[in-house]
């Protein structure tokens, strides 16, 4: 997997990320892309990079970045309201929700995901949007439907 560091700005805040390219990518070539983000406390070099390592094998170009408030990006970290706003701005059909729960000292993965989804519901995300982001988009990305 090839990598390119990038800098972009979101609402005036400097954001730092990485473009992950398949090994056979040729400059200027158009490919399908995936923005691989992690949970609120995830960093680009962990889950987005791990996800990209797998998806670039299938020819996807991926992008990961550190959220506001997580170095090296600037700003302050986002709240559930901020995340709901970001989902609404990007569009639910472009979001894929997962949970990184399952660590031995945390709740069970399903319980962690439920807490995350309830938080998004309280922040104004609809049941339909949650379904699209947890079922429809993942099945499309994986080529199941």
Protein backbone atom coordinates (compact mmCIF):
# COMPACT_ATOMS: atom_id res chain seq x y z
CA UNK A 1 0.00 0.00 0.00
CA UNK A 2 1.31 3.43 -0.97
CA UNK A 3 0.70 6.41 1.31
CA UNK A 4 0.56 10.17 0.80
CA UNK A 5 0.30 12.61 3.66
CA UNK A 6 -2.29 15.34 3.12
CA UNK A 7 -3.33 18.57 4.79
CA UNK A 8 -6.78 20.07 4.30
CA UNK A 9 -8.96 22.55 6.16
CA UNK A 10 -12.38 21.98 7.66
CA UNK A 11 -14.20 25.13 8.74
CA UNK A 12 -10.82 26.84 9.06
CA UNK A 13 -9.22 24.07 11.15
CA UNK A 14 -6.08 22.39 9.82
CA UNK A 15 -6.65 18.66 9.39
CA UNK A 16 -3.89 16.12 8.77
CA UNK A 17 -4.47 12.81 7.08
CA UNK A 18 -3.26 10.16 4.69
CA UNK A 19 -4.32 8.98 1.26
CA UNK A 20 -3.85 5.21 1.06
CA UNK A 21 -3.36 3.88 -2.47
CA UNK A 22 -3.33 0.33 -3.86
CA UNK A 23 0.16 -0.89 -4.81
CA UNK A 24 -0.85 -0.98 -8.49
CA UNK A 25 -2.27 2.57 -8.51
CA UNK A 26 -1.06 4.70 -11.43
CA UNK A 27 -0.89 8.51 -11.13
CA UNK A 28 -4.08 10.18 -12.39
CA UNK A 29 -6.08 6.95 -12.44
CA UNK A 30 -9.67 7.18 -11.17
CA UNK A 31 -10.72 4.64 -8.55
CA UNK A 32 -13.55 4.25 -6.07
CA UNK A 33 -12.69 5.82 -2.74
CA UNK A 34 -13.50 5.27 0.91
CA UNK A 35 -13.05 7.72 3.77
CA UNK A 36 -11.97 5.43 6.60
CA UNK A 37 -12.62 7.15 9.91
CA UNK A 38 -12.43 5.82 13.41
CA UNK A 39 -14.47 6.51 16.53
CA UNK A 40 -14.19 9.67 18.59
CA UNK A 41 -10.93 8.58 20.16
CA UNK A 42 -9.44 6.75 17.20
CA UNK A 43 -6.39 7.99 15.40
CA UNK A 44 -5.56 7.72 11.71
CA UNK A 45 -2.51 5.49 12.21
CA UNK A 46 -4.60 2.79 13.91
CA UNK A 47 -8.08 1.91 12.59
CA UNK A 48 -8.23 3.93 9.36
CA UNK A 49 -4.78 2.61 8.38
CA UNK A 50 -5.78 -0.96 9.30
CA UNK A 51 -9.01 -0.65 7.30
CA UNK A 52 -7.12 0.87 4.35
CA UNK A 53 -4.58 -1.97 4.34
CA UNK A 54 -7.46 -4.37 3.67
CA UNK A 55 -9.50 -2.24 1.25
CA UNK A 56 -6.56 -1.17 -0.95
CA UNK A 57 -6.04 -4.89 -1.68
CA UNK A 58 -9.43 -4.73 -3.42
CA UNK A 59 -8.44 -1.66 -5.46
CA UNK A 60 -10.02 1.07 -3.34
CA UNK A 61 -8.30 4.36 -2.63
CA UNK A 62 -8.80 5.24 1.04
CA UNK A 63 -8.40 8.38 3.07
CA UNK A 64 -7.99 8.59 6.84
CA UNK A 65 -7.39 11.57 9.07
CA UNK A 66 -7.12 12.58 12.67
CA UNK A 67 -10.20 14.35 13.99
CA UNK A 68 -10.20 17.88 15.33
CA UNK A 69 -8.42 17.97 18.64
CA UNK A 70 -6.33 14.89 17.91
CA UNK A 71 -2.73 15.64 16.99
CA UNK A 72 -1.46 16.38 14.44
CA UNK A 73 -4.81 17.92 13.38
CA UNK A 74 -5.75 21.17 15.05
CA UNK A 75 -8.83 22.34 16.90
CA UNK A 76 -10.86 20.77 19.69
CA UNK A 77 -12.47 17.31 19.59
CA UNK A 78 -16.06 16.96 18.41
CA UNK A 79 -19.20 16.20 20.38
CA UNK A 80 -22.08 13.89 19.45
CA UNK A 81 -23.89 16.96 18.05
CA UNK A 82 -20.84 17.73 15.89
CA UNK A 83 -20.74 14.14 14.64
CA UNK A 84 -24.46 14.26 13.78
CA UNK A 85 -23.89 17.50 11.87
CA UNK A 86 -20.97 15.95 9.98
CA UNK A 87 -23.13 12.96 9.00
CA UNK A 88 -25.87 15.29 7.79
CA UNK A 89 -23.37 17.37 5.79
CA UNK A 90 -21.69 14.37 4.14
CA UNK A 91 -24.90 12.37 3.71
CA UNK A 92 -25.85 9.09 5.37
CA UNK A 93 -25.35 7.25 2.09
CA UNK A 94 -21.62 8.03 2.35
CA UNK A 95 -21.16 6.89 5.97
CA UNK A 96 -20.34 3.42 7.34
CA UNK A 97 -20.79 3.06 11.12
CA UNK A 98 -18.88 0.48 13.12
CA UNK A 99 -17.76 0.03 16.71
CA UNK A 100 -14.25 -0.58 18.00
CA UNK A 101 -15.54 -1.96 21.27
CA UNK A 102 -14.60 -5.37 22.53
CA UNK A 103 -11.56 -4.53 24.61
CA UNK A 104 -11.34 -6.70 27.72
CA UNK A 105 -11.95 -3.80 30.12
CA UNK A 106 -14.96 -2.38 28.22
CA UNK A 107 -18.56 -3.38 27.56
CA UNK A 108 -19.36 -6.03 24.95
CA UNK A 109 -19.13 -4.88 21.29
CA UNK A 110 -22.91 -4.97 20.75
CA UNK A 111 -23.48 -2.96 23.93
CA UNK A 112 -20.90 -0.34 22.89
CA UNK A 113 -22.47 -0.06 19.43
CA UNK A 114 -25.91 0.34 20.98
CA UNK A 115 -24.64 3.17 23.19
CA UNK A 116 -23.08 4.85 20.15
CA UNK A 117 -26.29 4.54 18.11
CA UNK A 118 -28.43 5.84 20.98
CA UNK A 119 -26.11 8.83 21.30
CA UNK A 120 -26.54 9.58 17.59
CA UNK A 121 -30.34 9.23 17.90
CA UNK A 122 -30.30 11.73 20.77
CA UNK A 123 -28.21 14.05 18.59
CA UNK A 124 -30.89 14.03 15.87
CA UNK A 125 -29.88 11.21 13.52
CA UNK A 126 -32.95 9.22 12.38
CA UNK A 127 -33.52 5.46 12.69
CA UNK A 128 -33.54 5.27 8.89
CA UNK A 129 -30.15 7.00 8.67
CA UNK A 130 -28.71 4.60 11.27
CA UNK A 131 -30.00 1.63 9.25
CA UNK A 132 -28.46 2.98 6.06
CA UNK A 133 -25.08 3.54 7.77
CA UNK A 134 -24.99 0.17 9.55
CA UNK A 135 -26.61 -2.08 6.92
CA UNK A 136 -27.09 -0.59 3.44
CA UNK A 137 -23.71 1.11 2.98
CA UNK A 138 -21.65 -1.79 4.42
CA UNK A 139 -23.38 -4.34 2.18
CA UNK A 140 -22.74 -2.11 -0.85
CA UNK A 141 -19.07 -1.62 0.04
CA UNK A 142 -18.61 -5.35 0.57
CA UNK A 143 -20.48 -6.18 -2.66
CA UNK A 144 -23.09 -8.27 -0.85
CA UNK A 145 -26.04 -6.65 -2.68
